[in-house]
Amino acid sequence: MCPTSQTALRCLQHTARGHPGASSGERAAWELLANFREGRQVNFADNFVRLDANGQRAVIQLLLDVATGKTTFSDLH
């Protein structure tokens, strides 16, 4: 996994919260990370729009790194 992907994942991990009182953005980051970890499909339409600007930037960075081959899907598990 490349350094930019590691930074992006840390950003999402820092934001992610799964408890009942979590904000919608915290919950979206939690769901995205769970989907990456479990290898399930990611619902970007719902989760992406709920993230704050930093979370959205992190997801875009991960997508760019996967698309260019710097990071593989198995790295995200």
PDB file of N, CA and C in Angstrom:
ATOM      1  N   MET A   1       0.860  -1.168   0.000  1.00  0.00           N
ATOM      2  CA  MET A   1       0.000   0.000   0.000  1.00  0.00           C
ATOM      3  C   MET A   1       0.906   1.230   0.000  1.00  0.00           C
ATOM      4  N   CYS A   2       0.561   2.180  -0.819  1.00  0.00           N
ATOM      5  CA  CYS A   2       1.376   3.385  -0.926  1.00  0.00           C
ATOM      6  C   CYS A   2       1.090   4.336   0.252  1.00  0.00           C
ATOM      7  N   PRO A   3       2.011   5.262   0.509  1.00  0.00           N
ATOM      8  CA  PRO A   3       1.849   6.188   1.645  1.00  0.00           C
ATOM      9  C   PRO A   3       0.588   7.044   1.575  1.00  0.00           C
ATOM     10  N   THR A   4       0.182   7.450   0.376  1.00  0.00           N
ATOM     11  CA  THR A   4      -1.025   8.283   0.288  1.00  0.00           C
ATOM     12  C   THR A   4      -2.270   7.496   0.677  1.00  0.00           C
ATOM     13  N   SER A   5      -2.301   6.212   0.333  1.00  0.00           N
ATOM     14  CA  SER A   5      -3.427   5.367   0.733  1.00  0.00           C
ATOM     15  C   SER A   5      -3.430   5.147   2.235  1.00  0.00           C
ATOM     16  N   GLN A   6      -2.258   4.977   2.816  1.00  0.00           N
ATOM     17  CA  GLN A   6      -2.170   4.810   4.262  1.00  0.00           C
ATOM     18  C   GLN A   6      -2.690   6.051   4.979  1.00  0.00           C
ATOM     19  N   THR A   7      -2.329   7.223   4.473  1.00  0.00           N
ATOM     20  CA  THR A   7      -2.809   8.478   5.055  1.00  0.00           C
ATOM     21  C   THR A   7      -4.320   8.591   4.912  1.00  0.00           C
ATOM     22  N   ALA A   8      -4.843   8.225   3.748  1.00  0.00           N
ATOM     23  CA  ALA A   8      -6.286   8.289   3.510  1.00  0.00           C
ATOM     24  C   ALA A   8      -7.034   7.340   4.443  1.00  0.00           C
ATOM     25  N   LEU A   9      -6.515   6.126   4.616  1.00  0.00           N
ATOM     26  CA  LEU A   9      -7.158   5.181   5.524  1.00  0.00           C
ATOM     27  C   LEU A   9      -7.119   5.671   6.962  1.00  0.00           C
ATOM     28  N   ARG A  10      -6.006   6.259   7.373  1.00  0.00           N
ATOM     29  CA  ARG A  10      -5.918   6.810   8.733  1.00  0.00           C
ATOM     30  C   ARG A  10      -6.952   7.912   8.933  1.00  0.00           C
ATOM     31  N   CYS A  11      -7.166   8.732   7.912  1.00  0.00           N
ATOM     32  CA  CYS A  11      -8.168   9.801   7.998  1.00  0.00           C
ATOM     33  C   CYS A  11      -9.557   9.198   8.215  1.00  0.00           C
ATOM     34  N   LEU A  12      -9.890   8.181   7.430  1.00  0.00           N
ATOM     35  CA  LEU A  12     -11.194   7.538   7.591  1.00  0.00           C
ATOM     36  C   LEU A  12     -11.312   6.846   8.943  1.00  0.00           C
ATOM     37  N   GLN A  13     -10.236   6.194   9.396  1.00  0.00           N
ATOM     38  CA  GLN A  13     -10.262   5.525  10.691  1.00  0.00           C
ATOM     39  C   GLN A  13     -10.417   6.520  11.834  1.00  0.00           C
ATOM     40  N   HIS A  14      -9.819   7.680  11.681  1.00  0.00           N
ATOM     41  CA  HIS A  14      -9.934   8.718  12.701  1.00  0.00           C
ATOM     42  C   HIS A  14     -11.365   9.250  12.793  1.00  0.00           C
ATOM     43  N   THR A  15     -12.046   9.300  11.667  1.00  0.00           N
ATOM     44  CA  THR A  15     -13.408   9.831  11.606  1.00  0.00           C
ATOM     45  C   THR A  15     -14.455   8.796  11.984  1.00  0.00           C
ATOM     46  N   ALA A  16     -14.186   7.533  11.706  1.00  0.00           N
ATOM     47  CA  ALA A  16     -15.186   6.465  11.826  1.00  0.00           C
ATOM     48  C   ALA A  16     -15.650   6.245  13.260  1.00  0.00           C
ATOM     49  N   ARG A  17     -16.956   6.207  13.413  1.00  0.00           N
ATOM     50  CA  ARG A  17     -17.591   5.886  14.689  1.00  0.00           C
ATOM     51  C   ARG A  17     -18.827   5.038  14.380  1.00  0.00           C
ATOM     52  N   GLY A  18     -19.029   3.992  15.143  1.00  0.00           N
ATOM     53  CA  GLY A  18     -20.147   3.101  14.880  1.00  0.00           C
ATOM     54  C   GLY A  18     -21.206   3.093  15.956  1.00  0.00           C
ATOM     55  N   HIS A  19     -21.068   3.930  16.971  1.00  0.00           N
ATOM     56  CA  HIS A  19     -22.043   3.911  18.063  1.00  0.00           C
ATOM     57  C   HIS A  19     -23.342   4.614  17.646  1.00  0.00           C
ATOM     58  N   PRO A  20     -24.433   4.366  18.353  1.00  0.00           N
ATOM     59  CA  PRO A  20     -25.733   4.922  17.978  1.00  0.00           C
ATOM     60  C   PRO A  20     -25.773   6.455  17.911  1.00  0.00           C
ATOM     61  N   GLY A  21     -24.958   7.156  18.665  1.00  0.00           N
ATOM     62  CA  GLY A  21     -24.979   8.614  18.654  1.00  0.00           C
ATOM     63  C   GLY A  21     -24.032   9.250  17.646  1.00  0.00           C
ATOM     64  N   ALA A  22     -23.427   8.446  16.796  1.00  0.00           N
ATOM     65  CA  ALA A  22     -22.459   8.963  15.822  1.00  0.00           C
ATOM     66  C   ALA A  22     -23.160   9.828  14.780  1.00  0.00           C
ATOM     67  N   SER A  23     -22.439  10.830  14.289  1.00  0.00           N
ATOM     68  CA  SER A  23     -22.991  11.674  13.232  1.00  0.00           C
ATOM     69  C   SER A  23     -23.082  10.869  11.939  1.00  0.00           C
ATOM     70  N   SER A  24     -23.788  11.389  10.974  1.00  0.00           N
ATOM     71  CA  SER A  24     -23.945  10.662   9.710  1.00  0.00           C
ATOM     72  C   SER A  24     -22.600  10.494   8.999  1.00  0.00           C
ATOM     73  N   GLY A  25     -21.721  11.485   9.096  1.00  0.00           N
ATOM     74  CA  GLY A  25     -20.399  11.373   8.485  1.00  0.00           C
ATOM     75  C   GLY A  25     -19.532  10.331   9.174  1.00  0.00           C
ATOM     76  N   GLU A  26     -19.598  10.292  10.500  1.00  0.00           N
ATOM     77  CA  GLU A  26     -18.850   9.280  11.248  1.00  0.00           C
ATOM     78  C   GLU A  26     -19.355   7.881  10.904  1.00  0.00           C
ATOM     79  N   ARG A  27     -20.665   7.749  10.808  1.00  0.00           N
ATOM     80  CA  ARG A  27     -21.277   6.465  10.455  1.00  0.00           C
ATOM     81  C   ARG A  27     -20.896   6.061   9.023  1.00  0.00           C
ATOM     82  N   ALA A  28     -20.859   7.024   8.100  1.00  0.00           N
ATOM     83  CA  ALA A  28     -20.490   6.734   6.715  1.00  0.00           C
ATOM     84  C   ALA A  28     -19.056   6.216   6.632  1.00  0.00           C
ATOM     85  N   ALA A  29     -18.134   6.840   7.350  1.00  0.00           N
ATOM     86  CA  ALA A  29     -16.743   6.381   7.365  1.00  0.00           C
ATOM     87  C   ALA A  29     -16.663   4.973   7.951  1.00  0.00           C
ATOM     88  N   TRP A  30     -17.420   4.725   9.009  1.00  0.00           N
ATOM     89  CA  TRP A  30     -17.460   3.403   9.637  1.00  0.00           C
ATOM     90  C   TRP A  30     -17.928   2.349   8.636  1.00  0.00           C
ATOM     91  N   GLU A  31     -19.000   2.666   7.900  1.00  0.00           N
ATOM     92  CA  GLU A  31     -19.554   1.720   6.936  1.00  0.00           C
ATOM     93  C   GLU A  31     -18.598   1.481   5.773  1.00  0.00           C
ATOM     94  N   LEU A  32     -17.947   2.531   5.292  1.00  0.00           N
ATOM     95  CA  LEU A  32     -16.978   2.365   4.205  1.00  0.00           C
ATOM     96  C   LEU A  32     -15.827   1.460   4.633  1.00  0.00           C
ATOM     97  N   LEU A  33     -15.280   1.694   5.804  1.00  0.00           N
ATOM     98  CA  LEU A  33     -14.176   0.865   6.283  1.00  0.00           C
ATOM     99  C   LEU A  33     -14.614  -0.585   6.484  1.00  0.00           C
ATOM    100  N   ALA A  34     -15.814  -0.778   7.005  1.00  0.00           N
ATOM    101  CA  ALA A  34     -16.328  -2.142   7.185  1.00  0.00           C
ATOM    102  C   ALA A  34     -16.489  -2.832   5.835  1.00  0.00           C
ATOM    103  N   ASN A  35     -16.976  -2.115   4.845  1.00  0.00           N
ATOM    104  CA  ASN A  35     -17.135  -2.691   3.514  1.00  0.00           C
ATOM    105  C   ASN A  35     -15.782  -3.047   2.907  1.00  0.00           C
ATOM    106  N   PHE A  36     -14.793  -2.179   3.054  1.00  0.00           N
ATOM    107  CA  PHE A  36     -13.446  -2.478   2.560  1.00  0.00           C
ATOM    108  C   PHE A  36     -12.886  -3.709   3.269  1.00  0.00           C
ATOM    109  N   ARG A  37     -13.038  -3.754   4.586  1.00  0.00           N
ATOM    110  CA  ARG A  37     -12.494  -4.837   5.397  1.00  0.00           C
ATOM    111  C   ARG A  37     -13.117  -6.187   5.035  1.00  0.00           C
ATOM    112  N   GLU A  38     -14.420  -6.181   4.822  1.00  0.00           N
ATOM    113  CA  GLU A  38     -15.147  -7.428   4.559  1.00  0.00           C
ATOM    114  C   GLU A  38     -15.223  -7.777   3.088  1.00  0.00           C
ATOM    115  N   GLY A  39     -14.743  -6.900   2.224  1.00  0.00           N
ATOM    116  CA  GLY A  39     -14.755  -7.168   0.795  1.00  0.00           C
ATOM    117  C   GLY A  39     -16.128  -7.075   0.154  1.00  0.00           C
ATOM    118  N   ARG A  40     -17.039  -6.359   0.803  1.00  0.00           N
ATOM    119  CA  ARG A  40     -18.387  -6.178   0.255  1.00  0.00           C
ATOM    120  C   ARG A  40     -18.419  -4.971  -0.671  1.00  0.00           C
ATOM    121  N   GLN A  41     -19.489  -4.866  -1.418  1.00  0.00           N
ATOM    122  CA  GLN A  41     -19.677  -3.695  -2.261  1.00  0.00           C
ATOM    123  C   GLN A  41     -19.817  -2.460  -1.389  1.00  0.00           C
ATOM    124  N   VAL A  42     -19.301  -1.346  -1.890  1.00  0.00           N
ATOM    125  CA  VAL A  42     -19.366  -0.085  -1.168  1.00  0.00           C
ATOM    126  C   VAL A  42     -20.461   0.766  -1.789  1.00  0.00           C
ATOM    127  N   ASN A  43     -21.342   1.296  -0.966  1.00  0.00           N
ATOM    128  CA  ASN A  43     -22.416   2.155  -1.436  1.00  0.00           C
ATOM    129  C   ASN A  43     -21.930   3.606  -1.417  1.00  0.00           C
ATOM    130  N   PHE A  44     -21.255   4.023  -2.498  1.00  0.00           N
ATOM    131  CA  PHE A  44     -20.701   5.368  -2.538  1.00  0.00           C
ATOM    132  C   PHE A  44     -21.780   6.434  -2.625  1.00  0.00           C
ATOM    133  N   ALA A  45     -22.878   6.138  -3.289  1.00  0.00           N
ATOM    134  CA  ALA A  45     -23.932   7.138  -3.435  1.00  0.00           C
ATOM    135  C   ALA A  45     -24.430   7.616  -2.079  1.00  0.00           C
ATOM    136  N   ASP A  46     -24.572   6.703  -1.158  1.00  0.00           N
ATOM    137  CA  ASP A  46     -25.075   7.058   0.163  1.00  0.00           C
ATOM    138  C   ASP A  46     -23.959   7.545   1.085  1.00  0.00           C
ATOM    139  N   ASN A  47     -22.889   6.783   1.166  1.00  0.00           N
ATOM    140  CA  ASN A  47     -21.832   7.082   2.129  1.00  0.00           C
ATOM    141  C   ASN A  47     -20.978   8.286   1.754  1.00  0.00           C
ATOM    142  N   PHE A  48     -20.626   8.410   0.493  1.00  0.00           N
ATOM    143  CA  PHE A  48     -19.728   9.486   0.074  1.00  0.00           C
ATOM    144  C   PHE A  48     -20.299  10.866   0.376  1.00  0.00           C
ATOM    145  N   VAL A  49     -21.576  11.059   0.103  1.00  0.00           N
ATOM    146  CA  VAL A  49     -22.170  12.384   0.293  1.00  0.00           C
ATOM    147  C   VAL A  49     -22.307  12.759   1.767  1.00  0.00           C
ATOM    148  N   ARG A  50     -22.285  11.762   2.654  1.00  0.00           N
ATOM    149  CA  ARG A  50     -22.395  12.041   4.088  1.00  0.00           C
ATOM    150  C   ARG A  50     -21.063  12.388   4.739  1.00  0.00           C
ATOM    151  N   LEU A  51     -19.961  12.113   4.049  1.00  0.00           N
ATOM    152  CA  LEU A  51     -18.637  12.412   4.601  1.00  0.00           C
ATOM    153  C   LEU A  51     -18.353  13.903   4.549  1.00  0.00           C
ATOM    154  N   ASP A  52     -17.489  14.360   5.441  1.00  0.00           N
ATOM    155  CA  ASP A  52     -17.032  15.740   5.359  1.00  0.00           C
ATOM    156  C   ASP A  52     -15.980  15.833   4.248  1.00  0.00           C
ATOM    157  N   ALA A  53     -15.463  17.025   4.010  1.00  0.00           N
ATOM    158  CA  ALA A  53     -14.514  17.243   2.913  1.00  0.00           C
ATOM    159  C   ALA A  53     -13.266  16.381   3.067  1.00  0.00           C
ATOM    160  N   ASN A  54     -12.768  16.223   4.287  1.00  0.00           N
ATOM    161  CA  ASN A  54     -11.578  15.396   4.501  1.00  0.00           C
ATOM    162  C   ASN A  54     -11.854  13.930   4.188  1.00  0.00           C
ATOM    163  N   GLY A  55     -12.993  13.449   4.585  1.00  0.00           N
ATOM    164  CA  GLY A  55     -13.372  12.068   4.302  1.00  0.00           C
ATOM    165  C   GLY A  55     -13.560  11.832   2.815  1.00  0.00           C
ATOM    166  N   GLN A  56     -14.196  12.796   2.142  1.00  0.00           N
ATOM    167  CA  GLN A  56     -14.381  12.675   0.698  1.00  0.00           C
ATOM    168  C   GLN A  56     -13.045  12.670  -0.023  1.00  0.00           C
ATOM    169  N   ARG A  57     -12.136  13.521   0.411  1.00  0.00           N
ATOM    170  CA  ARG A  57     -10.801  13.574  -0.186  1.00  0.00           C
ATOM    171  C   ARG A  57     -10.073  12.249   0.024  1.00  0.00           C
ATOM    172  N   ALA A  58     -10.223  11.659   1.193  1.00  0.00           N
ATOM    173  CA  ALA A  58      -9.585  10.378   1.492  1.00  0.00           C
ATOM    174  C   ALA A  58     -10.121   9.273   0.582  1.00  0.00           C
ATOM    175  N   VAL A  59     -11.425   9.229   0.376  1.00  0.00           N
ATOM    176  CA  VAL A  59     -12.025   8.213  -0.489  1.00  0.00           C
ATOM    177  C   VAL A  59     -11.562   8.410  -1.927  1.00  0.00           C
ATOM    178  N   ILE A  60     -11.521   9.646  -2.396  1.00  0.00           N
ATOM    179  CA  ILE A  60     -11.056   9.909  -3.765  1.00  0.00           C
ATOM    180  C   ILE A  60      -9.602   9.476  -3.910  1.00  0.00           C
ATOM    181  N   GLN A  61      -8.774   9.757  -2.900  1.00  0.00           N
ATOM    182  CA  GLN A  61      -7.369   9.342  -2.950  1.00  0.00           C
ATOM    183  C   GLN A  61      -7.251   7.830  -3.025  1.00  0.00           C
ATOM    184  N   LEU A  62      -8.052   7.121  -2.246  1.00  0.00           N
ATOM    185  CA  LEU A  62      -8.029   5.656  -2.291  1.00  0.00           C
ATOM    186  C   LEU A  62      -8.434   5.148  -3.670  1.00  0.00           C
ATOM    187  N   LEU A  63      -9.464   5.742  -4.241  1.00  0.00           N
ATOM    188  CA  LEU A  63      -9.904   5.329  -5.575  1.00  0.00           C
ATOM    189  C   LEU A  63      -8.819   5.589  -6.622  1.00  0.00           C
ATOM    190  N   LEU A  64      -8.166   6.733  -6.536  1.00  0.00           N
ATOM    191  CA  LEU A  64      -7.079   7.042  -7.475  1.00  0.00           C
ATOM    192  C   LEU A  64      -5.928   6.055  -7.330  1.00  0.00           C
ATOM    193  N   ASP A  65      -5.573   5.736  -6.100  1.00  0.00           N
ATOM    194  CA  ASP A  65      -4.474   4.806  -5.868  1.00  0.00           C
ATOM    195  C   ASP A  65      -4.804   3.402  -6.363  1.00  0.00           C
ATOM    196  N   VAL A  66      -6.046   2.977  -6.197  1.00  0.00           N
ATOM    197  CA  VAL A  66      -6.458   1.668  -6.703  1.00  0.00           C
ATOM    198  C   VAL A  66      -6.485   1.695  -8.236  1.00  0.00           C
ATOM    199  N   ALA A  67      -7.011   2.761  -8.806  1.00  0.00           N
ATOM    200  CA  ALA A  67      -7.105   2.858 -10.261  1.00  0.00           C
ATOM    201  C   ALA A  67      -5.735   2.890 -10.942  1.00  0.00           C
ATOM    202  N   THR A  68      -4.754   3.467 -10.275  1.00  0.00           N
ATOM    203  CA  THR A  68      -3.418   3.559 -10.868  1.00  0.00           C
ATOM    204  C   THR A  68      -2.524   2.395 -10.467  1.00  0.00           C
ATOM    205  N   GLY A  69      -3.014   1.481  -9.642  1.00  0.00           N
ATOM    206  CA  GLY A  69      -2.258   0.300  -9.264  1.00  0.00           C
ATOM    207  C   GLY A  69      -1.308   0.501  -8.093  1.00  0.00           C
ATOM    208  N   LYS A  70      -1.358   1.640  -7.448  1.00  0.00           N
ATOM    209  CA  LYS A  70      -0.484   1.879  -6.290  1.00  0.00           C
ATOM    210  C   LYS A  70      -0.955   1.105  -5.067  1.00  0.00           C
ATOM    211  N   THR A  71      -2.248   0.832  -5.018  1.00  0.00           N
ATOM    212  CA  THR A  71      -2.865   0.095  -3.916  1.00  0.00           C
ATOM    213  C   THR A  71      -3.798  -0.932  -4.520  1.00  0.00           C
ATOM    214  N   THR A  72      -3.852  -2.101  -3.907  1.00  0.00           N
ATOM    215  CA  THR A  72      -4.760  -3.133  -4.394  1.00  0.00           C
ATOM    216  C   THR A  72      -5.936  -3.269  -3.436  1.00  0.00           C
ATOM    217  N   PHE A  73      -6.994  -3.902  -3.905  1.00  0.00           N
ATOM    218  CA  PHE A  73      -8.156  -4.105  -3.040  1.00  0.00           C
ATOM    219  C   PHE A  73      -7.799  -4.968  -1.836  1.00  0.00           C
ATOM    220  N   SER A  74      -6.883  -5.892  -2.027  1.00  0.00           N
ATOM    221  CA  SER A  74      -6.494  -6.741  -0.895  1.00  0.00           C
ATOM    222  C   SER A  74      -5.782  -5.925   0.185  1.00  0.00           C
ATOM    223  N   ASP A  75      -5.157  -4.808  -0.186  1.00  0.00           N
ATOM    224  CA  ASP A  75      -4.531  -3.914   0.800  1.00  0.00           C
ATOM    225  C   ASP A  75      -5.566  -3.261   1.704  1.00  0.00           C
ATOM    226  N   LEU A  76      -6.789  -3.139   1.224  1.00  0.00           N
ATOM    227  CA  LEU A  76      -7.826  -2.444   1.982  1.00  0.00           C
ATOM    228  C   LEU A  76      -8.534  -3.363   2.961  1.00  0.00           C
ATOM    229  N   HIS A  77      -8.247  -4.656   2.915  1.00  0.00           N
ATOM    230  CA  HIS A  77      -8.889  -5.597   3.849  1.00  0.00           C
ATOM    231  C   HIS A  77      -8.309  -5.467   5.212  1.00  0.00           C
TER     232      HIS A  77
END
